[in-house]
Amino acid sequence: MKKTFKYNLDTPDRLDKYLKNKLPNLSRTNIQKLIENNLVLIDGYSVKSSFQLKFNQTIQIDTKDFKNEKSHLKPQKMKLDILYEDNDILVLNKESGMVVHPGIGNRSHTLLNGVLDYCENLSVMNNDRPGVIHRLDKDTSGAIVFAKNNESHYYISEQFANRKINKEYKAIVWGNLSDEIEINGFLRRDPRNRLKFKLFNANGKYSISVVKPCSLFSIPLSFITVLPLTGRTHQIRVHLSSIGHPIIKDDLYNGGDNIINGFHEKDRNNILSILSKIDRFALHARRLELNHPKTKKNMIFEAPYPNDYLETLKKLNEYK
């Protein structure tokens, strides 16, 4: 992506300050990062962020070379379930078991590898995670959005940060949850298990979720809607576990199959028949609502349930 324009003001101005006003969808930090990587040229020359612009100088912004620094990320052909696509965003229905982007222990065959093969252009706000605005846990299925350019990335990131994006998740949890409940607190690493997060009364990242029952059953399981008003790592899983309704099959947060031993013997066979339909924790990002970065129109994306989730719900509905 290239942009070229003339500085047409009579008075000098700092380059990064001027570009922040010219490109309001980019943060000053990201503008400075582009300048430091020699992707902003003044009359064909690399300069510093503090450079004082003069009348009629030519400013050129080029993110092509910046994009090429991602060569260690290998495009890999894979089937993508596309919910929506245009020149600015790509919305996918992520399958369970798929890691969103490469990291320690997952260097390839992630969703991002597939997106890189499919998309010629992605945002470059982060070289290691081009296009990635938010994440879903490996076993969580559902709606996720990628940015195709920096302006879209910044605009949508700002919506996430300001809690203006509405997210709706569906979960199957242990126990009978019949009332709407709001869960809040501070999330940080569990000192006894660094793989887990835990809810505390203070110190950590503030989190809040609203939980609503969808269906009640004659056995101790519930189908619920979760509206996370913040987006913290493992937030929904931690919140549901904290109120004694962990997601089924979520071993890390006390929702493993062994919990069945705490319920009446008459329910166990029925519960086992439901648990046999799914082999990962039952959390699905059902709905994503945001303002489009270019048109500014409100858009709603709904991700169909995957087959394992549908089969589990079908069996569960026998006990309404």
Protein backbone atom coordinates (compact mmCIF):
# COMPACT_ATOMS: atom_id res chain seq x y z
CA MET A 1 0.00 0.00 0.00
CA LYS A 2 1.45 3.35 -1.07
CA LYS A 3 0.31 6.86 -0.31
CA THR A 4 1.91 10.01 -1.71
CA PHE A 5 0.93 13.60 -0.98
CA LYS A 6 2.37 17.11 -0.72
CA TYR A 7 2.89 19.12 2.43
CA ASN A 8 0.96 22.29 1.63
CA LEU A 9 1.22 24.30 4.85
CA ASP A 10 3.27 27.49 5.11
CA THR A 11 4.51 26.78 8.64
CA PRO A 12 6.82 23.81 9.49
CA ASP A 13 5.41 20.85 11.42
CA ARG A 14 6.82 17.65 12.96
CA LEU A 15 6.46 14.70 10.59
CA ASP A 16 4.83 12.29 13.08
CA LYS A 17 2.46 14.96 14.37
CA TYR A 18 1.39 15.92 10.86
CA LEU A 19 0.83 12.30 9.81
CA LYS A 20 -1.28 11.68 12.93
CA ASN A 21 -3.66 14.42 11.78
CA LYS A 22 -3.50 13.25 8.18
CA LEU A 23 -4.10 9.57 9.07
CA PRO A 24 -6.40 9.67 12.12
CA ASN A 25 -6.99 5.89 12.05
CA LEU A 26 -3.31 5.24 12.85
CA SER A 27 -1.85 5.82 16.30
CA ARG A 28 1.19 8.05 16.71
CA THR A 29 3.15 5.03 17.95
CA ASN A 30 2.44 3.10 14.76
CA ILE A 31 3.26 6.13 12.63
CA GLN A 32 6.62 6.42 14.40
CA LYS A 33 7.19 2.70 13.81
CA LEU A 34 6.65 3.17 10.08
CA ILE A 35 9.11 6.10 10.06
CA GLU A 36 11.73 4.12 12.01
CA ASN A 37 11.47 1.29 9.47
CA ASN A 38 12.22 3.76 6.63
CA LEU A 39 8.75 3.36 5.21
CA VAL A 40 8.07 7.09 5.20
CA LEU A 41 10.17 9.07 2.75
CA ILE A 42 10.44 12.85 2.39
CA ASP A 43 11.45 13.84 -1.14
CA GLY A 44 12.80 10.31 -1.50
CA TYR A 45 14.85 10.29 1.73
CA SER A 46 14.42 8.54 5.09
CA VAL A 47 14.09 10.93 8.02
CA LYS A 48 13.35 10.87 11.75
CA SER A 49 9.94 11.30 13.41
CA SER A 50 11.01 14.75 14.61
CA PHE A 51 11.79 15.96 11.05
CA GLN A 52 10.31 19.41 10.39
CA LEU A 53 8.24 19.39 7.21
CA LYS A 54 8.52 22.34 4.80
CA PHE A 55 6.11 23.64 2.19
CA ASN A 56 5.75 21.55 -0.99
CA GLN A 57 7.79 18.60 0.21
CA THR A 58 6.60 15.18 -1.01
CA ILE A 59 5.65 12.58 1.59
CA GLN A 60 5.53 8.93 0.55
CA ILE A 61 4.31 6.11 2.80
CA ASP A 62 5.08 2.56 1.66
CA THR A 63 4.21 -0.54 3.72
CA LYS A 64 5.31 -3.05 1.08
CA ASP A 65 8.79 -3.65 2.52
CA PHE A 66 7.37 -3.74 6.02
CA LYS A 67 5.05 -6.52 4.87
CA ASN A 68 7.98 -8.47 3.40
CA GLU A 69 9.55 -8.75 6.85
CA LYS A 70 6.89 -11.38 7.60
CA SER A 71 8.65 -13.94 5.39
CA HIS A 72 9.14 -16.27 8.38
CA LEU A 73 5.35 -16.72 8.40
CA LYS A 74 4.61 -19.35 5.79
CA PRO A 75 1.35 -19.24 3.81
CA GLN A 76 -0.35 -22.64 3.90
CA LYS A 77 -3.35 -23.62 1.82
CA MET A 78 -6.35 -24.64 3.91
CA LYS A 79 -10.11 -24.48 3.73
CA LEU A 80 -11.48 -21.28 5.25
CA ASP A 81 -15.11 -20.81 6.28
CA ILE A 82 -15.63 -17.22 5.12
CA LEU A 83 -18.58 -15.34 6.63
CA TYR A 84 -17.81 -12.00 4.97
CA GLU A 85 -15.07 -10.33 2.96
CA ASP A 86 -14.36 -6.97 1.33
CA ASN A 87 -11.28 -4.82 0.71
CA ASP A 88 -10.92 -3.96 4.40
CA ILE A 89 -11.87 -6.96 6.53
CA LEU A 90 -12.13 -10.75 6.42
CA VAL A 91 -14.54 -12.46 8.83
CA LEU A 92 -14.16 -16.21 9.34
CA ASN A 93 -15.89 -18.99 11.23
CA LYS A 94 -12.92 -20.60 12.99
CA GLU A 95 -13.06 -24.32 13.50
CA SER A 96 -12.30 -25.85 16.88
CA GLY A 97 -8.76 -27.16 17.33
CA MET A 98 -7.23 -24.40 15.20
CA VAL A 99 -4.72 -22.00 16.79
CA VAL A 100 -5.22 -18.44 15.55
CA HIS A 101 -1.58 -17.47 14.96
CA PRO A 102 1.91 -19.04 15.25
CA GLY A 103 3.58 -19.09 18.64
CA ILE A 104 5.66 -21.35 20.86
CA GLY A 105 4.72 -24.93 20.03
CA ASN A 106 2.57 -23.86 17.06
CA ARG A 107 4.83 -22.59 14.30
CA SER A 108 2.63 -23.65 11.40
CA HIS A 109 -0.84 -24.83 10.36
CA THR A 110 -2.50 -22.01 12.27
CA LEU A 111 -5.46 -20.02 11.02
CA LEU A 112 -3.14 -17.13 10.15
CA ASN A 113 -1.06 -19.40 7.89
CA GLY A 114 -4.23 -20.14 5.95
CA VAL A 115 -5.26 -16.48 5.84
CA LEU A 116 -1.80 -15.53 4.52
CA ASP A 117 -2.25 -18.00 1.68
CA TYR A 118 -5.72 -16.67 0.90
CA CYS A 119 -5.11 -12.92 1.34
CA GLU A 120 -2.58 -10.93 -0.64
CA ASN A 121 -2.72 -8.01 1.78
CA LEU A 122 -3.10 -7.85 5.55
CA SER A 123 -2.50 -5.12 8.10
CA VAL A 124 1.07 -4.77 9.36
CA MET A 125 0.54 -3.28 12.80
CA ASN A 126 2.39 -6.32 14.16
CA ASN A 127 4.90 -8.17 11.96
CA ASP A 128 4.43 -11.43 13.84
CA ARG A 129 0.63 -11.36 13.59
CA PRO A 130 -0.40 -9.57 10.39
CA GLY A 131 -4.11 -8.94 10.23
CA VAL A 132 -4.79 -10.34 13.71
CA ILE A 133 -6.98 -8.00 15.76
CA HIS A 134 -8.31 -10.41 18.39
CA ARG A 135 -8.06 -14.12 19.21
CA LEU A 136 -10.10 -17.16 20.11
CA ASP A 137 -8.79 -20.04 22.20
CA LYS A 138 -7.66 -23.10 20.25
CA ASP A 139 -10.75 -25.16 21.08
CA THR A 140 -13.21 -22.28 20.75
CA SER A 141 -15.04 -22.14 17.43
CA GLY A 142 -16.78 -19.19 15.83
CA ALA A 143 -16.55 -15.67 14.44
CA ILE A 144 -13.20 -13.89 14.16
CA VAL A 145 -12.23 -10.82 12.12
CA PHE A 146 -8.95 -10.04 10.34
CA ALA A 147 -7.86 -6.61 9.04
CA LYS A 148 -6.61 -6.21 5.48
CA ASN A 149 -4.99 -2.81 6.04
CA ASN A 150 -3.63 -0.71 8.89
CA GLU A 151 -6.50 1.77 8.89
CA SER A 152 -9.04 -1.02 9.38
CA HIS A 153 -6.88 -2.67 12.02
CA TYR A 154 -6.60 0.49 14.07
CA TYR A 155 -10.28 1.42 13.68
CA ILE A 156 -11.52 -1.99 14.82
CA SER A 157 -8.90 -2.26 17.59
CA GLU A 158 -10.16 1.04 18.95
CA GLN A 159 -13.69 -0.39 19.03
CA PHE A 160 -12.48 -3.41 20.99
CA ALA A 161 -10.54 -1.18 23.40
CA ASN A 162 -13.54 1.10 23.93
CA ARG A 163 -15.95 -1.85 24.37
CA LYS A 164 -17.98 -0.83 21.34
CA ILE A 165 -17.91 -4.26 19.73
CA ASN A 166 -20.69 -6.61 20.78
CA LYS A 167 -19.68 -10.26 21.11
CA GLU A 168 -22.01 -13.12 21.86
CA TYR A 169 -20.83 -16.59 22.82
CA LYS A 170 -22.79 -19.77 23.37
CA ALA A 171 -21.70 -22.33 25.95
CA ILE A 172 -22.93 -25.60 27.43
CA VAL A 173 -22.12 -25.65 31.14
CA TRP A 174 -22.45 -27.86 34.15
CA GLY A 175 -25.42 -27.33 36.48
CA ASN A 176 -28.77 -25.59 36.08
CA LEU A 177 -28.35 -21.87 35.56
CA SER A 178 -31.77 -20.20 35.54
CA ASP A 179 -31.04 -16.52 36.24
CA GLU A 180 -29.13 -13.80 34.42
CA ILE A 181 -25.92 -12.92 36.23
CA GLU A 182 -23.12 -10.39 35.86
CA ILE A 183 -19.60 -11.57 36.67
CA ASN A 184 -16.73 -9.16 37.22
CA GLY A 185 -13.32 -9.03 38.80
CA PHE A 186 -9.62 -8.83 38.03
CA LEU A 187 -7.94 -11.56 36.00
CA ARG A 188 -4.34 -12.59 36.42
CA ARG A 189 -2.27 -15.77 36.29
CA ASP A 190 -3.10 -18.43 38.85
CA PRO A 191 -0.02 -18.56 41.13
CA ARG A 192 -0.49 -22.34 41.50
CA ASN A 193 -0.82 -23.06 37.77
CA ARG A 194 0.74 -20.67 35.24
CA LEU A 195 -1.38 -22.14 32.44
CA LYS A 196 -4.53 -20.85 34.12
CA PHE A 197 -6.02 -17.49 34.95
CA LYS A 198 -7.95 -16.73 38.12
CA LEU A 199 -10.48 -14.11 39.23
CA PHE A 200 -9.40 -11.76 42.03
CA ASN A 201 -10.99 -8.81 43.82
CA ALA A 202 -8.07 -6.51 42.93
CA ASN A 203 -4.81 -6.33 40.98
CA GLY A 204 -4.98 -7.63 37.44
CA LYS A 205 -6.92 -6.86 34.28
CA TYR A 206 -10.51 -5.87 34.96
CA SER A 207 -13.07 -8.16 33.32
CA ILE A 208 -16.84 -8.26 33.07
CA SER A 209 -19.30 -10.68 31.47
CA VAL A 210 -23.07 -11.00 31.42
CA VAL A 211 -24.47 -14.54 31.43
CA LYS A 212 -28.00 -15.39 30.32
CA PRO A 213 -29.74 -18.79 30.32
CA CYS A 214 -31.04 -19.98 26.93
CA SER A 215 -32.62 -23.35 27.76
CA LEU A 216 -33.41 -25.29 30.91
CA PHE A 217 -33.19 -29.07 31.06
CA SER A 218 -34.24 -31.88 33.37
CA ILE A 219 -30.59 -32.86 33.82
CA PRO A 220 -27.87 -30.70 35.43
CA LEU A 221 -26.60 -29.03 32.25
CA SER A 222 -27.41 -25.60 30.80
CA PHE A 223 -27.19 -23.94 27.40
CA ILE A 224 -26.30 -20.28 27.92
CA THR A 225 -25.42 -17.00 26.23
CA VAL A 226 -22.34 -15.10 27.40
CA LEU A 227 -21.79 -11.44 26.56
CA PRO A 228 -18.18 -10.53 27.39
CA LEU A 229 -17.95 -6.76 27.85
CA THR A 230 -14.15 -6.98 28.05
CA GLY A 231 -11.83 -9.28 26.13
CA ARG A 232 -9.34 -10.92 28.48
CA THR A 233 -7.48 -14.19 27.95
CA HIS A 234 -9.67 -17.15 29.02
CA GLN A 235 -12.20 -14.65 30.40
CA ILE A 236 -15.40 -16.61 29.73
CA ARG A 237 -13.91 -19.90 30.91
CA VAL A 238 -12.65 -18.34 34.16
CA HIS A 239 -15.88 -16.44 34.82
CA LEU A 240 -18.13 -19.49 34.36
CA SER A 241 -15.89 -21.65 36.51
CA SER A 242 -15.88 -18.97 39.23
CA ILE A 243 -19.68 -19.22 39.66
CA GLY A 244 -19.70 -23.02 39.76
CA HIS A 245 -20.85 -23.50 36.14
CA PRO A 246 -17.72 -24.48 34.20
CA ILE A 247 -18.00 -25.30 30.51
CA ILE A 248 -18.36 -29.02 29.81
CA LYS A 249 -15.11 -30.68 28.72
CA ASP A 250 -13.03 -27.75 30.03
CA ASP A 251 -10.52 -29.72 32.09
CA LEU A 252 -8.33 -26.69 32.80
CA TYR A 253 -11.18 -24.84 34.52
CA ASN A 254 -12.81 -27.68 36.47
CA GLY A 255 -15.25 -28.73 33.75
CA GLY A 256 -13.79 -32.14 32.93
CA ASP A 257 -15.85 -35.34 32.66
CA ASN A 258 -15.01 -36.39 36.23
CA ILE A 259 -17.37 -33.72 37.54
CA ILE A 260 -20.20 -36.12 36.68
CA ASN A 261 -19.47 -37.99 39.90
CA GLY A 262 -20.88 -35.07 41.85
CA PHE A 263 -24.36 -35.52 40.34
CA HIS A 264 -27.11 -38.01 41.11
CA GLU A 265 -26.67 -41.49 39.71
CA LYS A 266 -29.97 -41.28 37.77
CA ASP A 267 -28.56 -38.43 35.63
CA ARG A 268 -25.14 -39.88 34.88
CA ASN A 269 -26.00 -42.06 31.86
CA ASN A 270 -27.95 -39.23 30.26
CA ILE A 271 -25.08 -36.79 30.80
CA LEU A 272 -22.57 -39.30 29.43
CA SER A 273 -24.63 -39.63 26.24
CA ILE A 274 -24.30 -35.86 25.75
CA LEU A 275 -20.60 -35.70 26.59
CA SER A 276 -19.91 -38.40 24.02
CA LYS A 277 -20.95 -36.01 21.22
CA ILE A 278 -18.11 -33.53 21.70
CA ASP A 279 -14.42 -33.88 22.51
CA ARG A 280 -13.52 -30.24 23.31
CA PHE A 281 -14.94 -27.60 25.60
CA ALA A 282 -18.32 -26.40 24.34
CA LEU A 283 -17.72 -22.71 23.64
CA HIS A 284 -18.71 -21.04 20.35
CA ALA A 285 -18.29 -17.39 19.32
CA ARG A 286 -21.74 -17.10 17.80
CA ARG A 287 -22.07 -13.42 16.95
CA LEU A 288 -19.85 -10.41 16.28
CA GLU A 289 -21.18 -6.87 15.82
CA LEU A 290 -18.98 -3.94 14.78
CA ASN A 291 -18.86 -0.70 12.80
CA HIS A 292 -17.24 -1.16 9.41
CA PRO A 293 -13.91 0.73 9.22
CA LYS A 294 -14.64 2.26 5.81
CA THR A 295 -18.43 2.71 5.61
CA LYS A 296 -18.89 3.20 9.38
CA LYS A 297 -22.09 1.14 9.08
CA ASN A 298 -23.07 -1.32 11.80
CA MET A 299 -22.49 -4.92 10.70
CA ILE A 300 -23.50 -8.20 12.35
CA PHE A 301 -21.80 -11.52 11.60
CA GLU A 302 -23.21 -14.82 12.84
CA ALA A 303 -21.17 -18.01 12.81
CA PRO A 304 -23.11 -21.28 12.28
CA TYR A 305 -22.54 -23.99 14.87
CA PRO A 306 -20.05 -26.70 13.87
CA ASN A 307 -21.28 -30.30 13.61
CA ASP A 308 -20.01 -31.44 17.00
CA TYR A 309 -21.81 -28.55 18.69
CA LEU A 310 -25.02 -29.21 16.77
CA GLU A 311 -24.98 -32.89 17.70
CA THR A 312 -24.42 -32.03 21.36
CA LEU A 313 -27.30 -29.55 21.37
CA LYS A 314 -29.56 -32.03 19.58
CA LYS A 315 -28.94 -34.64 22.25
CA LEU A 316 -29.25 -32.10 25.05
CA ASN A 317 -32.61 -30.90 23.74
CA GLU A 318 -34.05 -34.35 24.38
CA TYR A 319 -34.08 -33.41 28.07
CA LYS A 320 -36.08 -30.17 27.84
